[in-house]
Amino acid sequence: MSRKDLQSAVFKALADDRRREILDLLKDGPKTTGELCGWFKRVDRCTVMLHLGVLEAAGLVIAKREGRVRWNYLNVVPLQEIYDRWISQYARPSVELLVRLKRGLEG
């Protein structure tokens, strides 16, 4: 998959609020698929698995099997790449403005 396709997959994965919620749950550490399914009371296991598949295809989740248990790990590398490419360059002027404002207020 090309870098451009991978970034498109990351944005597509992040577009869904349930997938973002799964990523939030994985911030605290790896979770089994069963644990993740238990978090979503109104969503069946199949739907959670589909969401995990999208996240895995985008490289945001790494799945490891241990016997019958599937552990899901957050992979922050694609998020960092999106930040570096799309967010940091726009955030920098705002941060610089806040620094100048702070210095001005402190005299």
N, C-alpha and C. Protein backbone atom coordinates (compact mmCIF):
# COMPACT_ATOMS: atom_id res chain seq x y z
N MET A 1 0.85 -1.18 0.00
CA MET A 1 0.00 0.00 0.00
C MET A 1 0.89 1.23 0.00
N SER A 2 0.60 2.20 -0.85
CA SER A 2 1.40 3.41 -0.92
C SER A 2 1.15 4.28 0.31
N ARG A 3 2.06 5.20 0.53
CA ARG A 3 1.93 6.12 1.68
C ARG A 3 0.64 6.93 1.58
N LYS A 4 0.31 7.36 0.37
CA LYS A 4 -0.91 8.13 0.15
C LYS A 4 -2.15 7.29 0.48
N ASP A 5 -2.16 6.04 0.03
CA ASP A 5 -3.29 5.15 0.32
C ASP A 5 -3.40 4.88 1.82
N LEU A 6 -2.25 4.73 2.48
CA LEU A 6 -2.26 4.46 3.92
C LEU A 6 -2.82 5.66 4.68
N GLN A 7 -2.42 6.88 4.28
CA GLN A 7 -2.96 8.06 4.96
C GLN A 7 -4.46 8.19 4.71
N SER A 8 -4.92 7.85 3.52
CA SER A 8 -6.36 7.86 3.25
C SER A 8 -7.08 6.86 4.13
N ALA A 9 -6.49 5.69 4.32
CA ALA A 9 -7.08 4.67 5.18
C ALA A 9 -7.15 5.15 6.62
N VAL A 10 -6.13 5.87 7.08
CA VAL A 10 -6.13 6.39 8.45
C VAL A 10 -7.26 7.40 8.62
N PHE A 11 -7.38 8.34 7.67
CA PHE A 11 -8.46 9.33 7.77
C PHE A 11 -9.83 8.65 7.72
N LYS A 12 -9.98 7.65 6.86
CA LYS A 12 -11.25 6.92 6.78
C LYS A 12 -11.54 6.23 8.12
N ALA A 13 -10.53 5.62 8.71
CA ALA A 13 -10.71 4.93 9.98
C ALA A 13 -11.10 5.91 11.08
N LEU A 14 -10.50 7.09 11.08
CA LEU A 14 -10.77 8.08 12.11
C LEU A 14 -12.11 8.79 11.91
N ALA A 15 -12.73 8.61 10.76
CA ALA A 15 -13.99 9.30 10.46
C ALA A 15 -15.17 8.76 11.27
N ASP A 16 -15.04 7.56 11.80
CA ASP A 16 -16.15 6.94 12.53
C ASP A 16 -15.97 7.09 14.03
N ASP A 17 -17.02 7.53 14.72
CA ASP A 17 -16.90 7.77 16.15
C ASP A 17 -16.68 6.48 16.96
N ARG A 18 -17.22 5.36 16.53
CA ARG A 18 -16.98 4.10 17.26
C ARG A 18 -15.51 3.68 17.13
N ARG A 19 -14.94 3.87 15.95
CA ARG A 19 -13.54 3.52 15.79
C ARG A 19 -12.65 4.42 16.63
N ARG A 20 -12.99 5.70 16.71
CA ARG A 20 -12.23 6.60 17.59
C ARG A 20 -12.38 6.18 19.04
N GLU A 21 -13.55 5.70 19.41
CA GLU A 21 -13.77 5.23 20.78
C GLU A 21 -12.93 3.99 21.07
N ILE A 22 -12.83 3.10 20.09
CA ILE A 22 -11.97 1.92 20.25
C ILE A 22 -10.53 2.35 20.46
N LEU A 23 -10.07 3.32 19.69
CA LEU A 23 -8.69 3.81 19.86
C LEU A 23 -8.52 4.42 21.25
N ASP A 24 -9.52 5.15 21.72
CA ASP A 24 -9.44 5.72 23.07
C ASP A 24 -9.32 4.62 24.13
N LEU A 25 -10.07 3.55 23.94
CA LEU A 25 -10.00 2.44 24.89
C LEU A 25 -8.62 1.78 24.88
N LEU A 26 -8.00 1.74 23.72
CA LEU A 26 -6.69 1.09 23.61
C LEU A 26 -5.54 1.98 24.09
N LYS A 27 -5.81 3.26 24.33
CA LYS A 27 -4.76 4.16 24.84
C LYS A 27 -4.23 3.68 26.18
N ASP A 28 -5.09 3.09 26.98
CA ASP A 28 -4.70 2.65 28.32
C ASP A 28 -3.96 1.32 28.32
N GLY A 29 -3.91 0.67 27.17
CA GLY A 29 -3.22 -0.61 27.07
C GLY A 29 -4.01 -1.56 26.18
N PRO A 30 -3.40 -2.67 25.83
CA PRO A 30 -4.07 -3.61 24.93
C PRO A 30 -5.32 -4.20 25.57
N LYS A 31 -6.28 -4.51 24.73
CA LYS A 31 -7.54 -5.12 25.17
C LYS A 31 -7.84 -6.31 24.26
N THR A 32 -8.51 -7.29 24.84
CA THR A 32 -8.96 -8.40 24.01
C THR A 32 -10.17 -7.95 23.20
N THR A 33 -10.44 -8.68 22.15
CA THR A 33 -11.62 -8.36 21.34
C THR A 33 -12.88 -8.50 22.19
N GLY A 34 -12.91 -9.50 23.06
CA GLY A 34 -14.06 -9.67 23.96
C GLY A 34 -14.27 -8.48 24.87
N GLU A 35 -13.18 -7.93 25.41
CA GLU A 35 -13.29 -6.74 26.26
C GLU A 35 -13.84 -5.56 25.47
N LEU A 36 -13.36 -5.39 24.25
CA LEU A 36 -13.86 -4.29 23.42
C LEU A 36 -15.33 -4.48 23.08
N CYS A 37 -15.72 -5.71 22.78
CA CYS A 37 -17.13 -5.99 22.48
C CYS A 37 -18.00 -5.70 23.68
N GLY A 38 -17.50 -6.00 24.87
CA GLY A 38 -18.26 -5.74 26.09
C GLY A 38 -18.50 -4.27 26.35
N TRP A 39 -17.65 -3.43 25.81
CA TRP A 39 -17.78 -1.99 26.00
C TRP A 39 -18.96 -1.43 25.21
N PHE A 40 -19.26 -2.04 24.06
CA PHE A 40 -20.31 -1.56 23.17
C PHE A 40 -21.56 -2.42 23.35
N LYS A 41 -22.44 -2.00 24.22
CA LYS A 41 -23.62 -2.78 24.59
C LYS A 41 -24.63 -2.91 23.45
N ARG A 42 -24.74 -1.90 22.61
CA ARG A 42 -25.76 -1.89 21.55
C ARG A 42 -25.21 -2.33 20.20
N VAL A 43 -23.99 -2.82 20.18
CA VAL A 43 -23.36 -3.23 18.93
C VAL A 43 -22.95 -4.69 19.06
N ASP A 44 -23.25 -5.48 18.02
CA ASP A 44 -22.89 -6.90 18.10
C ASP A 44 -21.40 -7.10 17.81
N ARG A 45 -20.93 -8.29 18.15
CA ARG A 45 -19.51 -8.64 18.00
C ARG A 45 -19.03 -8.49 16.56
N CYS A 46 -19.88 -8.88 15.62
CA CYS A 46 -19.52 -8.78 14.19
C CYS A 46 -19.20 -7.34 13.79
N THR A 47 -19.99 -6.42 14.26
CA THR A 47 -19.78 -5.00 13.92
C THR A 47 -18.49 -4.49 14.55
N VAL A 48 -18.24 -4.85 15.80
CA VAL A 48 -16.98 -4.45 16.45
C VAL A 48 -15.80 -5.02 15.67
N MET A 49 -15.91 -6.28 15.23
CA MET A 49 -14.84 -6.91 14.45
C MET A 49 -14.62 -6.18 13.11
N LEU A 50 -15.69 -5.73 12.49
CA LEU A 50 -15.55 -4.96 11.25
C LEU A 50 -14.80 -3.65 11.50
N HIS A 51 -15.14 -2.97 12.59
CA HIS A 51 -14.45 -1.73 12.95
C HIS A 51 -12.96 -2.01 13.23
N LEU A 52 -12.69 -3.09 13.95
CA LEU A 52 -11.30 -3.46 14.21
C LEU A 52 -10.56 -3.77 12.92
N GLY A 53 -11.24 -4.37 11.96
CA GLY A 53 -10.63 -4.66 10.66
C GLY A 53 -10.23 -3.40 9.92
N VAL A 54 -11.08 -2.38 9.97
CA VAL A 54 -10.76 -1.10 9.33
C VAL A 54 -9.56 -0.46 10.02
N LEU A 55 -9.56 -0.50 11.36
CA LEU A 55 -8.44 0.08 12.12
C LEU A 55 -7.14 -0.69 11.85
N GLU A 56 -7.25 -1.99 11.72
CA GLU A 56 -6.06 -2.81 11.44
C GLU A 56 -5.54 -2.54 10.03
N ALA A 57 -6.44 -2.42 9.06
CA ALA A 57 -6.03 -2.14 7.67
C ALA A 57 -5.33 -0.78 7.57
N ALA A 58 -5.73 0.16 8.43
CA ALA A 58 -5.11 1.48 8.44
C ALA A 58 -3.82 1.50 9.24
N GLY A 59 -3.50 0.39 9.89
CA GLY A 59 -2.28 0.31 10.69
C GLY A 59 -2.41 0.92 12.08
N LEU A 60 -3.63 1.28 12.47
CA LEU A 60 -3.84 1.90 13.78
C LEU A 60 -3.96 0.89 14.90
N VAL A 61 -4.28 -0.34 14.56
CA VAL A 61 -4.39 -1.42 15.53
C VAL A 61 -3.55 -2.59 15.05
N ILE A 62 -2.82 -3.17 15.98
CA ILE A 62 -2.06 -4.39 15.70
C ILE A 62 -2.69 -5.49 16.53
N ALA A 63 -3.08 -6.57 15.87
CA ALA A 63 -3.73 -7.68 16.56
C ALA A 63 -2.75 -8.84 16.70
N LYS A 64 -2.72 -9.42 17.88
CA LYS A 64 -1.89 -10.60 18.16
C LYS A 64 -2.78 -11.67 18.77
N ARG A 65 -2.64 -12.88 18.26
CA ARG A 65 -3.41 -14.00 18.79
C ARG A 65 -2.59 -14.77 19.82
N GLU A 66 -3.24 -15.09 20.92
CA GLU A 66 -2.67 -15.96 21.94
C GLU A 66 -3.71 -17.05 22.20
N GLY A 67 -3.54 -18.16 21.54
CA GLY A 67 -4.55 -19.22 21.63
C GLY A 67 -5.84 -18.74 21.00
N ARG A 68 -6.90 -18.78 21.79
CA ARG A 68 -8.22 -18.33 21.29
C ARG A 68 -8.46 -16.85 21.52
N VAL A 69 -7.54 -16.18 22.17
CA VAL A 69 -7.71 -14.78 22.53
C VAL A 69 -6.98 -13.90 21.52
N ARG A 70 -7.65 -12.86 21.10
CA ARG A 70 -7.06 -11.88 20.19
C ARG A 70 -6.83 -10.60 20.96
N TRP A 71 -5.56 -10.20 21.09
CA TRP A 71 -5.20 -8.95 21.77
C TRP A 71 -5.05 -7.85 20.72
N ASN A 72 -5.58 -6.68 21.03
CA ASN A 72 -5.53 -5.53 20.13
C ASN A 72 -4.69 -4.44 20.78
N TYR A 73 -3.69 -3.99 20.04
CA TYR A 73 -2.75 -2.97 20.52
C TYR A 73 -2.89 -1.71 19.67
N LEU A 74 -2.82 -0.57 20.31
CA LEU A 74 -2.82 0.70 19.60
C LEU A 74 -1.45 0.93 18.98
N ASN A 75 -1.44 1.30 17.71
CA ASN A 75 -0.21 1.67 17.02
C ASN A 75 -0.30 3.17 16.72
N VAL A 76 0.50 3.97 17.41
CA VAL A 76 0.40 5.43 17.27
C VAL A 76 1.22 5.99 16.11
N VAL A 77 2.00 5.15 15.45
CA VAL A 77 2.85 5.65 14.36
C VAL A 77 2.04 6.33 13.26
N PRO A 78 0.95 5.73 12.75
CA PRO A 78 0.19 6.43 11.72
C PRO A 78 -0.38 7.77 12.20
N LEU A 79 -0.77 7.83 13.48
CA LEU A 79 -1.28 9.09 14.02
C LEU A 79 -0.19 10.16 14.05
N GLN A 80 1.02 9.75 14.44
CA GLN A 80 2.15 10.68 14.47
C GLN A 80 2.47 11.18 13.07
N GLU A 81 2.39 10.28 12.08
CA GLU A 81 2.65 10.69 10.70
C GLU A 81 1.62 11.69 10.21
N ILE A 82 0.36 11.48 10.57
CA ILE A 82 -0.70 12.44 10.21
C ILE A 82 -0.44 13.77 10.90
N TYR A 83 -0.07 13.71 12.17
CA TYR A 83 0.24 14.94 12.91
C TYR A 83 1.40 15.69 12.23
N ASP A 84 2.47 14.97 11.94
CA ASP A 84 3.64 15.60 11.32
C ASP A 84 3.30 16.23 9.98
N ARG A 85 2.50 15.56 9.19
CA ARG A 85 2.20 16.02 7.84
C ARG A 85 1.12 17.09 7.80
N TRP A 86 0.08 16.94 8.62
CA TRP A 86 -1.09 17.80 8.47
C TRP A 86 -1.36 18.76 9.62
N ILE A 87 -0.98 18.42 10.82
CA ILE A 87 -1.40 19.24 11.96
C ILE A 87 -0.30 20.16 12.46
N SER A 88 0.91 19.64 12.60
CA SER A 88 1.98 20.43 13.23
C SER A 88 2.26 21.73 12.50
N GLN A 89 2.23 21.70 11.19
CA GLN A 89 2.54 22.93 10.45
C GLN A 89 1.48 24.01 10.65
N TYR A 90 0.26 23.61 10.97
CA TYR A 90 -0.79 24.59 11.22
C TYR A 90 -0.83 25.01 12.69
N ALA A 91 -0.38 24.15 13.57
CA ALA A 91 -0.38 24.46 15.00
C ALA A 91 0.77 25.38 15.37
N ARG A 92 1.88 25.29 14.68
CA ARG A 92 3.07 26.06 15.02
C ARG A 92 2.81 27.57 15.12
N PRO A 93 2.14 28.21 14.15
CA PRO A 93 1.88 29.66 14.29
C PRO A 93 1.05 30.00 15.52
N SER A 94 0.11 29.14 15.87
CA SER A 94 -0.72 29.40 17.06
C SER A 94 0.11 29.32 18.33
N VAL A 95 0.99 28.34 18.40
CA VAL A 95 1.85 28.20 19.57
C VAL A 95 2.80 29.40 19.67
N GLU A 96 3.35 29.81 18.55
CA GLU A 96 4.25 30.97 18.56
C GLU A 96 3.50 32.22 19.02
N LEU A 97 2.27 32.37 18.60
CA LEU A 97 1.45 33.51 19.03
C LEU A 97 1.22 33.47 20.54
N LEU A 98 0.93 32.30 21.08
CA LEU A 98 0.73 32.17 22.52
C LEU A 98 2.00 32.49 23.30
N VAL A 99 3.16 32.10 22.78
CA VAL A 99 4.43 32.40 23.43
C VAL A 99 4.66 33.91 23.45
N ARG A 100 4.41 34.57 22.33
CA ARG A 100 4.58 36.03 22.27
C ARG A 100 3.61 36.72 23.23
N LEU A 101 2.39 36.23 23.28
CA LEU A 101 1.39 36.81 24.19
C LEU A 101 1.82 36.65 25.64
N LYS A 102 2.32 35.46 26.00
CA LYS A 102 2.79 35.21 27.36
C LYS A 102 3.93 36.14 27.72
N ARG A 103 4.88 36.26 26.81
CA ARG A 103 6.04 37.15 27.06
C ARG A 103 5.58 38.59 27.21
N GLY A 104 4.62 38.99 26.39
CA GLY A 104 4.10 40.35 26.47
C GLY A 104 3.40 40.62 27.80
N LEU A 105 2.65 39.65 28.27
CA LEU A 105 1.94 39.81 29.54
C LEU A 105 2.87 39.80 30.73
N GLU A 106 3.97 39.02 30.62
CA GLU A 106 4.93 38.95 31.72
C GLU A 106 5.84 40.17 31.74
N GLY A 107 5.81 40.96 30.70
CA GLY A 107 6.59 42.18 30.66
C GLY A 107 7.98 41.96 30.26
